[in-house]
Amino acid sequence: MDHTFFSALILLLLVLDPLGSLPIFISVLRGIAPERRTRVALREAVIAFGVLMAFMLGGQTFLQVMHLSERSLEVAGGVILLVIAMRMVFGGAAEMYATDTTDGAEPMIFPLAIPLLAGPSAMATVLLLASRQPERLWHWAGALTVAMAASTAVLLSADRIRRLLGDAVVTAMERLMGLVLTAIAIEMLLAGVKRYFSGD
């Protein structure tokens, strides 16, 4: 399944799922001083971006070292995306990343950077994009940059967005995004299986 810049951007936004991350983000930062929250959020976003960019740029090398084929990565990525999509549709994402910051300690890497932003599904997605069309690597890097910037902006506005839209609307939007991501995951799985049997 080949992608354009726009389709890659949409896929990355669905995988990063900033709206679905709002409750987790607010919960994790609740015990942190308000004047520190923006700095912590930006730091974690930069770490997540660095991890995903490393996976993207080192994708081909990683596949070669691990003796993995693009077909297996496509199927694995589809399975991971399907699991994440099902959690988005039926709820339960908050429990995956639950943590305790009530003592005022700042989260470092876990759970905001990894796995909230740079989770397994995001890692698999950027690896797959880079391995399928390596000649368009800078397009994918640009799409990742825009998607991460948009996700960071949403998370920084978490309290305002929840007050404006309400919990019910945010939940409905997350489940709608989960349905779209389910279709993408199935398409990815079918493409991997098709390539396996056709020998491409």
C-alpha atoms as a PDB file:
ATOM      1  CA  MET A   1       0.000   0.000   0.000  1.00  0.00           C
ATOM      2  CA  ASP A   2       1.819   3.094  -1.286  1.00  0.00           C
ATOM      3  CA  HIS A   3       1.245   6.473   0.329  1.00  0.00           C
ATOM      4  CA  THR A   4       1.281  10.118  -0.658  1.00  0.00           C
ATOM      5  CA  PHE A   5       2.493  12.874   1.666  1.00  0.00           C
ATOM      6  CA  PHE A   6      -1.107  13.667   2.609  1.00  0.00           C
ATOM      7  CA  SER A   7      -2.138  10.060   3.258  1.00  0.00           C
ATOM      8  CA  ALA A   8       1.036   9.498   5.311  1.00  0.00           C
ATOM      9  CA  LEU A   9       0.247  12.621   7.337  1.00  0.00           C
ATOM     10  CA  ILE A  10      -3.307  11.436   8.035  1.00  0.00           C
ATOM     11  CA  LEU A  11      -2.047   7.964   8.969  1.00  0.00           C
ATOM     12  CA  LEU A  12       0.528   9.399  11.375  1.00  0.00           C
ATOM     13  CA  LEU A  13      -2.075  11.680  12.974  1.00  0.00           C
ATOM     14  CA  LEU A  14      -4.372   8.699  13.480  1.00  0.00           C
ATOM     15  CA  VAL A  15      -1.545   6.641  14.971  1.00  0.00           C
ATOM     16  CA  LEU A  16      -0.334   9.427  17.268  1.00  0.00           C
ATOM     17  CA  ASP A  17      -3.999   9.956  18.277  1.00  0.00           C
ATOM     18  CA  PRO A  18      -3.646  13.290  20.128  1.00  0.00           C
ATOM     19  CA  LEU A  19      -7.379  13.523  20.934  1.00  0.00           C
ATOM     20  CA  GLY A  20      -7.387  10.057  22.431  1.00  0.00           C
ATOM     21  CA  SER A  21      -4.318  10.982  24.465  1.00  0.00           C
ATOM     22  CA  LEU A  22      -5.964  14.003  26.123  1.00  0.00           C
ATOM     23  CA  PRO A  23      -7.267  12.187  29.241  1.00  0.00           C
ATOM     24  CA  ILE A  24      -3.928  10.424  29.755  1.00  0.00           C
ATOM     25  CA  PHE A  25      -1.964  13.625  29.180  1.00  0.00           C
ATOM     26  CA  ILE A  26      -4.064  15.581  31.670  1.00  0.00           C
ATOM     27  CA  SER A  27      -3.857  12.788  34.241  1.00  0.00           C
ATOM     28  CA  VAL A  28      -0.073  12.450  33.991  1.00  0.00           C
ATOM     29  CA  LEU A  29       0.556  16.202  34.292  1.00  0.00           C
ATOM     30  CA  ARG A  30      -2.032  16.828  37.021  1.00  0.00           C
ATOM     31  CA  GLY A  31       0.525  16.561  39.821  1.00  0.00           C
ATOM     32  CA  ILE A  32       3.050  18.862  38.130  1.00  0.00           C
ATOM     33  CA  ALA A  33       3.252  22.582  38.816  1.00  0.00           C
ATOM     34  CA  PRO A  34       1.288  24.507  36.116  1.00  0.00           C
ATOM     35  CA  GLU A  35       4.299  26.635  35.179  1.00  0.00           C
ATOM     36  CA  ARG A  36       6.291  23.481  34.380  1.00  0.00           C
ATOM     37  CA  ARG A  37       3.676  21.628  32.321  1.00  0.00           C
ATOM     38  CA  THR A  38       4.415  23.284  28.982  1.00  0.00           C
ATOM     39  CA  ARG A  39       8.147  22.702  29.333  1.00  0.00           C
ATOM     40  CA  VAL A  40       7.653  19.051  30.294  1.00  0.00           C
ATOM     41  CA  ALA A  41       5.224  18.461  27.420  1.00  0.00           C
ATOM     42  CA  LEU A  42       7.568  20.035  24.862  1.00  0.00           C
ATOM     43  CA  ARG A  43      10.530  18.035  26.185  1.00  0.00           C
ATOM     44  CA  GLU A  44       8.625  14.761  25.926  1.00  0.00           C
ATOM     45  CA  ALA A  45       7.393  15.640  22.418  1.00  0.00           C
ATOM     46  CA  VAL A  46      10.963  16.327  21.285  1.00  0.00           C
ATOM     47  CA  ILE A  47      12.125  12.987  22.719  1.00  0.00           C
ATOM     48  CA  ALA A  48       9.267  11.155  20.976  1.00  0.00           C
ATOM     49  CA  PHE A  49      10.025  12.916  17.695  1.00  0.00           C
ATOM     50  CA  GLY A  50      13.699  11.966  17.957  1.00  0.00           C
ATOM     51  CA  VAL A  51      12.830   8.309  18.592  1.00  0.00           C
ATOM     52  CA  LEU A  52      10.426   8.135  15.643  1.00  0.00           C
ATOM     53  CA  MET A  53      12.831   9.947  13.328  1.00  0.00           C
ATOM     54  CA  ALA A  54      15.592   7.513  14.300  1.00  0.00           C
ATOM     55  CA  PHE A  55      13.296   4.598  13.474  1.00  0.00           C
ATOM     56  CA  MET A  56      12.423   6.217  10.163  1.00  0.00           C
ATOM     57  CA  LEU A  57      15.978   7.035   9.083  1.00  0.00           C
ATOM     58  CA  GLY A  58      17.371   3.717  10.305  1.00  0.00           C
ATOM     59  CA  GLY A  59      14.498   1.618   9.048  1.00  0.00           C
ATOM     60  CA  GLN A  60      16.272  -0.166   6.197  1.00  0.00           C
ATOM     61  CA  THR A  61      19.349  -0.893   8.300  1.00  0.00           C
ATOM     62  CA  PHE A  62      17.168  -2.225  11.113  1.00  0.00           C
ATOM     63  CA  LEU A  63      15.351  -4.588   8.743  1.00  0.00           C
ATOM     64  CA  GLN A  64      18.639  -5.869   7.326  1.00  0.00           C
ATOM     65  CA  VAL A  65      20.236  -6.427  10.737  1.00  0.00           C
ATOM     66  CA  MET A  66      17.165  -8.250  12.041  1.00  0.00           C
ATOM     67  CA  HIS A  67      16.715 -10.200   8.763  1.00  0.00           C
ATOM     68  CA  LEU A  68      13.140  -8.997   8.444  1.00  0.00           C
ATOM     69  CA  SER A  69      11.225  -8.592   5.197  1.00  0.00           C
ATOM     70  CA  GLU A  70       8.979  -5.688   4.322  1.00  0.00           C
ATOM     71  CA  ARG A  71       6.091  -8.153   4.072  1.00  0.00           C
ATOM     72  CA  SER A  72       6.489  -9.301   7.675  1.00  0.00           C
ATOM     73  CA  LEU A  73       6.788  -5.699   8.844  1.00  0.00           C
ATOM     74  CA  GLU A  74       3.630  -4.771   6.948  1.00  0.00           C
ATOM     75  CA  VAL A  75       1.658  -7.616   8.538  1.00  0.00           C
ATOM     76  CA  ALA A  76       3.088  -6.899  12.005  1.00  0.00           C
ATOM     77  CA  GLY A  77       2.361  -3.193  11.635  1.00  0.00           C
ATOM     78  CA  GLY A  78      -1.196  -3.983  10.594  1.00  0.00           C
ATOM     79  CA  VAL A  79      -1.712  -6.218  13.637  1.00  0.00           C
ATOM     80  CA  ILE A  80      -0.368  -3.557  16.017  1.00  0.00           C
ATOM     81  CA  LEU A  81      -2.485  -0.840  14.416  1.00  0.00           C
ATOM     82  CA  LEU A  82      -5.542  -3.084  14.645  1.00  0.00           C
ATOM     83  CA  VAL A  83      -4.990  -3.632  18.389  1.00  0.00           C
ATOM     84  CA  ILE A  84      -4.565   0.117  18.973  1.00  0.00           C
ATOM     85  CA  ALA A  85      -7.630   0.863  16.819  1.00  0.00           C
ATOM     86  CA  MET A  86      -9.755  -1.620  18.770  1.00  0.00           C
ATOM     87  CA  ARG A  87      -8.719   0.021  22.039  1.00  0.00           C
ATOM     88  CA  MET A  88      -9.649   3.427  20.571  1.00  0.00           C
ATOM     89  CA  VAL A  89     -13.083   2.150  19.510  1.00  0.00           C
ATOM     90  CA  PHE A  90     -13.936   0.276  22.712  1.00  0.00           C
ATOM     91  CA  GLY A  91     -12.016   2.452  25.177  1.00  0.00           C
ATOM     92  CA  GLY A  92      -9.391   1.403  27.689  1.00  0.00           C
ATOM     93  CA  ALA A  93      -6.446   3.412  26.354  1.00  0.00           C
ATOM     94  CA  ALA A  94      -5.997   5.230  29.659  1.00  0.00           C
ATOM     95  CA  GLU A  95      -5.288   1.997  31.523  1.00  0.00           C
ATOM     96  CA  MET A  96      -2.430   1.174  29.151  1.00  0.00           C
ATOM     97  CA  TYR A  97      -0.462   4.247  30.169  1.00  0.00           C
ATOM     98  CA  ALA A  98      -1.604   4.673  33.756  1.00  0.00           C
ATOM     99  CA  THR A  99       1.018   6.117  36.077  1.00  0.00           C
ATOM    100  CA  ASP A 100       1.226   8.007  39.346  1.00  0.00           C
ATOM    101  CA  THR A 101       2.568  11.558  39.385  1.00  0.00           C
ATOM    102  CA  THR A 102       0.667  12.826  42.398  1.00  0.00           C
ATOM    103  CA  ASP A 103       3.923  13.346  44.284  1.00  0.00           C
ATOM    104  CA  GLY A 104       4.932  16.112  41.844  1.00  0.00           C
ATOM    105  CA  ALA A 105       7.652  14.091  40.129  1.00  0.00           C
ATOM    106  CA  GLU A 106       8.018  14.949  36.451  1.00  0.00           C
ATOM    107  CA  PRO A 107       7.567  12.133  33.931  1.00  0.00           C
ATOM    108  CA  MET A 108      10.731  11.446  31.962  1.00  0.00           C
ATOM    109  CA  ILE A 109      10.300   9.518  28.706  1.00  0.00           C
ATOM    110  CA  PHE A 110       7.625   7.186  30.184  1.00  0.00           C
ATOM    111  CA  PRO A 111       4.700   7.449  29.643  1.00  0.00           C
ATOM    112  CA  LEU A 112       4.389  10.674  27.624  1.00  0.00           C
ATOM    113  CA  ALA A 113       7.223  10.281  25.098  1.00  0.00           C
ATOM    114  CA  ILE A 114       7.129   6.480  25.040  1.00  0.00           C
ATOM    115  CA  PRO A 115       4.636   4.874  24.597  1.00  0.00           C
ATOM    116  CA  LEU A 116       2.016   7.666  24.480  1.00  0.00           C
ATOM    117  CA  LEU A 117       3.486   9.510  21.466  1.00  0.00           C
ATOM    118  CA  ALA A 118       6.189   7.161  20.171  1.00  0.00           C
ATOM    119  CA  GLY A 119       4.389   3.894  20.783  1.00  0.00           C
ATOM    120  CA  PRO A 120       4.787   0.557  18.987  1.00  0.00           C
ATOM    121  CA  SER A 121       2.205   1.478  16.354  1.00  0.00           C
ATOM    122  CA  ALA A 122       3.954   4.763  15.528  1.00  0.00           C
ATOM    123  CA  MET A 123       7.359   3.039  15.368  1.00  0.00           C
ATOM    124  CA  ALA A 124       6.012   0.324  13.073  1.00  0.00           C
ATOM    125  CA  THR A 125       4.305   2.925  10.869  1.00  0.00           C
ATOM    126  CA  VAL A 126       7.386   5.088  10.287  1.00  0.00           C
ATOM    127  CA  LEU A 127       9.516   1.980   9.695  1.00  0.00           C
ATOM    128  CA  LEU A 128       7.020   0.760   7.137  1.00  0.00           C
ATOM    129  CA  LEU A 129       6.811   4.102   5.339  1.00  0.00           C
ATOM    130  CA  ALA A 130      10.595   4.327   5.092  1.00  0.00           C
ATOM    131  CA  SER A 131      11.068   0.718   3.962  1.00  0.00           C
ATOM    132  CA  ARG A 132       8.309   0.701   1.337  1.00  0.00           C
ATOM    133  CA  GLN A 133       9.281   3.957  -0.393  1.00  0.00           C
ATOM    134  CA  PRO A 134      12.802   4.915   0.741  1.00  0.00           C
ATOM    135  CA  GLU A 135      13.203   7.308  -2.187  1.00  0.00           C
ATOM    136  CA  ARG A 136      10.564   9.553  -0.572  1.00  0.00           C
ATOM    137  CA  LEU A 137      12.176   9.517   2.862  1.00  0.00           C
ATOM    138  CA  TRP A 138      12.166  13.303   3.207  1.00  0.00           C
ATOM    139  CA  HIS A 139       8.442  13.384   2.405  1.00  0.00           C
ATOM    140  CA  TRP A 140       7.837  11.000   5.279  1.00  0.00           C
ATOM    141  CA  ALA A 141      10.125  13.016   7.543  1.00  0.00           C
ATOM    142  CA  GLY A 142       8.109  16.123   6.677  1.00  0.00           C
ATOM    143  CA  ALA A 143       4.823  14.315   7.334  1.00  0.00           C
ATOM    144  CA  LEU A 144       6.135  13.106  10.701  1.00  0.00           C
ATOM    145  CA  THR A 145       7.256  16.622  11.624  1.00  0.00           C
ATOM    146  CA  VAL A 146       3.855  18.126  10.798  1.00  0.00           C
ATOM    147  CA  ALA A 147       1.963  15.308  12.559  1.00  0.00           C
ATOM    148  CA  MET A 148       4.089  15.589  15.698  1.00  0.00           C
ATOM    149  CA  ALA A 149       3.760  19.385  15.732  1.00  0.00           C
ATOM    150  CA  ALA A 150      -0.034  19.101  15.421  1.00  0.00           C
ATOM    151  CA  SER A 151      -0.186  16.434  18.142  1.00  0.00           C
ATOM    152  CA  THR A 152       1.953  18.551  20.458  1.00  0.00           C
ATOM    153  CA  ALA A 153      -0.267  21.599  19.874  1.00  0.00           C
ATOM    154  CA  VAL A 154      -3.375  19.537  20.705  1.00  0.00           C
ATOM    155  CA  LEU A 155      -1.816  18.150  23.881  1.00  0.00           C
ATOM    156  CA  LEU A 156      -0.643  21.575  25.018  1.00  0.00           C
ATOM    157  CA  SER A 157      -4.232  22.786  24.646  1.00  0.00           C
ATOM    158  CA  ALA A 158      -5.641  19.697  26.380  1.00  0.00           C
ATOM    159  CA  ASP A 159      -7.562  21.436  29.163  1.00  0.00           C
ATOM    160  CA  ARG A 160      -8.989  24.086  26.822  1.00  0.00           C
ATOM    161  CA  ILE A 161     -10.102  21.505  24.244  1.00  0.00           C
ATOM    162  CA  ARG A 162     -11.848  19.315  26.807  1.00  0.00           C
ATOM    163  CA  ARG A 163     -13.656  22.327  28.267  1.00  0.00           C
ATOM    164  CA  LEU A 164     -14.678  23.515  24.787  1.00  0.00           C
ATOM    165  CA  LEU A 165     -15.821  20.193  23.311  1.00  0.00           C
ATOM    166  CA  GLY A 166     -16.724  18.219  26.413  1.00  0.00           C
ATOM    167  CA  ASP A 167     -15.737  14.668  27.295  1.00  0.00           C
ATOM    168  CA  ALA A 168     -18.518  13.106  25.208  1.00  0.00           C
ATOM    169  CA  VAL A 169     -17.423  14.799  21.971  1.00  0.00           C
ATOM    170  CA  VAL A 170     -13.749  13.998  22.547  1.00  0.00           C
ATOM    171  CA  THR A 171     -14.631  10.338  23.178  1.00  0.00           C
ATOM    172  CA  ALA A 172     -16.825  10.209  20.063  1.00  0.00           C
ATOM    173  CA  MET A 173     -14.048  11.696  17.922  1.00  0.00           C
ATOM    174  CA  GLU A 174     -11.527   9.201  19.293  1.00  0.00           C
ATOM    175  CA  ARG A 175     -13.809   6.291  18.431  1.00  0.00           C
ATOM    176  CA  LEU A 176     -14.408   7.659  14.948  1.00  0.00           C
ATOM    177  CA  MET A 177     -10.650   7.885  14.440  1.00  0.00           C
ATOM    178  CA  GLY A 178     -10.408   4.329  15.740  1.00  0.00           C
ATOM    179  CA  LEU A 179     -12.828   3.136  13.054  1.00  0.00           C
ATOM    180  CA  VAL A 180     -10.761   4.805  10.325  1.00  0.00           C
ATOM    181  CA  LEU A 181      -7.565   3.351  11.759  1.00  0.00           C
ATOM    182  CA  THR A 182      -9.185  -0.110  11.808  1.00  0.00           C
ATOM    183  CA  ALA A 183      -9.773   0.112   8.050  1.00  0.00           C
ATOM    184  CA  ILE A 184      -6.172   1.230   7.486  1.00  0.00           C
ATOM    185  CA  ALA A 185      -4.885  -1.647   9.625  1.00  0.00           C
ATOM    186  CA  ILE A 186      -6.920  -4.214   7.684  1.00  0.00           C
ATOM    187  CA  GLU A 187      -5.704  -2.750   4.389  1.00  0.00           C
ATOM    188  CA  MET A 188      -2.118  -2.989   5.618  1.00  0.00           C
ATOM    189  CA  LEU A 189      -2.609  -6.611   6.683  1.00  0.00           C
ATOM    190  CA  LEU A 190      -4.172  -7.563   3.343  1.00  0.00           C
ATOM    191  CA  ALA A 191      -1.396  -5.805   1.417  1.00  0.00           C
ATOM    192  CA  GLY A 192       1.272  -7.703   3.367  1.00  0.00           C
ATOM    193  CA  VAL A 193      -0.440 -11.061   2.841  1.00  0.00           C
ATOM    194  CA  LYS A 194      -0.955 -10.307  -0.861  1.00  0.00           C
ATOM    195  CA  ARG A 195       2.738  -9.422  -1.301  1.00  0.00           C
ATOM    196  CA  TYR A 196       3.740 -12.611   0.506  1.00  0.00           C
ATOM    197  CA  PHE A 197       1.748 -14.904  -1.771  1.00  0.00           C
ATOM    198  CA  SER A 198       2.606 -12.968  -4.935  1.00  0.00           C
ATOM    199  CA  GLY A 199       6.325 -13.035  -4.059  1.00  0.00           C
ATOM    200  CA  ASP A 200       6.808  -9.264  -4.528  1.00  0.00           C
END
